[in-house]
């Protein structure tokens, strides 16, 4: 993977916290539209990966 593509992926997947209350954290990924079309079929794996984090029940 070239450096430009890796940088683009890091930027596109950088979250913003839109709500942070006890027991609830809402993340937004406003730049996900920068992801290449080849990545779109794999976005559903992101929910599964988030649920693997300790304390995460739903994603």
C-alpha atoms as a PDB file:
ATOM      1  CA  UNK A   1       0.000   0.000   0.000  1.00  0.00           C
ATOM      2  CA  UNK A   2       1.466   3.342  -0.924  1.00  0.00           C
ATOM      3  CA  UNK A   3       1.939   6.156   1.576  1.00  0.00           C
ATOM      4  CA  UNK A   4      -0.756   8.380   0.051  1.00  0.00           C
ATOM      5  CA  UNK A   5      -3.432   5.678   0.248  1.00  0.00           C
ATOM      6  CA  UNK A   6      -2.475   4.781   3.823  1.00  0.00           C
ATOM      7  CA  UNK A   7      -2.687   8.444   4.823  1.00  0.00           C
ATOM      8  CA  UNK A   8      -6.080   8.779   3.138  1.00  0.00           C
ATOM      9  CA  UNK A   9      -7.418   5.731   4.972  1.00  0.00           C
ATOM     10  CA  UNK A  10      -6.193   7.038   8.335  1.00  0.00           C
ATOM     11  CA  UNK A  11      -7.843  10.408   7.724  1.00  0.00           C
ATOM     12  CA  UNK A  12     -11.114   8.897   6.483  1.00  0.00           C
ATOM     13  CA  UNK A  13     -11.382   6.579   9.479  1.00  0.00           C
ATOM     14  CA  UNK A  14     -10.577   9.212  12.095  1.00  0.00           C
ATOM     15  CA  UNK A  15     -13.633   9.560  14.374  1.00  0.00           C
ATOM     16  CA  UNK A  16     -15.191  12.651  15.899  1.00  0.00           C
ATOM     17  CA  UNK A  17     -16.956  12.306  19.249  1.00  0.00           C
ATOM     18  CA  UNK A  18     -20.456  13.727  18.849  1.00  0.00           C
ATOM     19  CA  UNK A  19     -21.934  12.545  22.175  1.00  0.00           C
ATOM     20  CA  UNK A  20     -20.223  11.427  25.356  1.00  0.00           C
ATOM     21  CA  UNK A  21     -22.569  10.655  28.225  1.00  0.00           C
ATOM     22  CA  UNK A  22     -22.118   7.917  30.837  1.00  0.00           C
ATOM     23  CA  UNK A  23     -22.729   4.556  29.192  1.00  0.00           C
ATOM     24  CA  UNK A  24     -22.990   5.976  25.682  1.00  0.00           C
ATOM     25  CA  UNK A  25     -20.397   7.184  23.216  1.00  0.00           C
ATOM     26  CA  UNK A  26     -21.379   8.298  19.734  1.00  0.00           C
ATOM     27  CA  UNK A  27     -18.669   8.469  17.100  1.00  0.00           C
ATOM     28  CA  UNK A  28     -19.016   9.991  13.666  1.00  0.00           C
ATOM     29  CA  UNK A  29     -16.747   9.446  10.701  1.00  0.00           C
ATOM     30  CA  UNK A  30     -17.430  12.539   8.590  1.00  0.00           C
ATOM     31  CA  UNK A  31     -14.736  11.795   6.016  1.00  0.00           C
ATOM     32  CA  UNK A  32     -15.683   8.181   5.267  1.00  0.00           C
ATOM     33  CA  UNK A  33     -16.734   9.333   1.798  1.00  0.00           C
ATOM     34  CA  UNK A  34     -13.021   9.670   1.000  1.00  0.00           C
ATOM     35  CA  UNK A  35     -12.639   5.902   1.163  1.00  0.00           C
ATOM     36  CA  UNK A  36     -12.040   4.249  -2.196  1.00  0.00           C
ATOM     37  CA  UNK A  37     -14.932   2.289  -3.707  1.00  0.00           C
ATOM     38  CA  UNK A  38     -12.962  -0.926  -3.200  1.00  0.00           C
ATOM     39  CA  UNK A  39     -13.257  -0.460   0.596  1.00  0.00           C
ATOM     40  CA  UNK A  40     -17.047  -0.085   0.702  1.00  0.00           C
ATOM     41  CA  UNK A  41     -17.912  -3.826   0.671  1.00  0.00           C
ATOM     42  CA  UNK A  42     -15.804  -4.259   3.810  1.00  0.00           C
ATOM     43  CA  UNK A  43     -17.327  -1.517   5.975  1.00  0.00           C
ATOM     44  CA  UNK A  44     -19.701  -3.970   7.653  1.00  0.00           C
ATOM     45  CA  UNK A  45     -16.658  -5.533   9.350  1.00  0.00           C
ATOM     46  CA  UNK A  46     -16.141  -2.272  11.219  1.00  0.00           C
ATOM     47  CA  UNK A  47     -19.168  -2.942  13.462  1.00  0.00           C
ATOM     48  CA  UNK A  48     -17.823  -6.403  14.309  1.00  0.00           C
ATOM     49  CA  UNK A  49     -14.384  -4.976  15.088  1.00  0.00           C
ATOM     50  CA  UNK A  50     -15.841  -2.301  17.374  1.00  0.00           C
ATOM     51  CA  UNK A  51     -17.800  -4.954  19.301  1.00  0.00           C
ATOM     52  CA  UNK A  52     -14.524  -6.765  20.053  1.00  0.00           C
ATOM     53  CA  UNK A  53     -13.373  -3.809  22.179  1.00  0.00           C
ATOM     54  CA  UNK A  54     -13.840  -4.255  25.938  1.00  0.00           C
ATOM     55  CA  UNK A  55     -17.032  -2.627  27.192  1.00  0.00           C
ATOM     56  CA  UNK A  56     -18.635  -2.244  23.752  1.00  0.00           C
ATOM     57  CA  UNK A  57     -22.007  -3.979  23.567  1.00  0.00           C
ATOM     58  CA  UNK A  58     -23.446  -2.508  20.360  1.00  0.00           C
ATOM     59  CA  UNK A  59     -21.979  -0.751  17.366  1.00  0.00           C
END
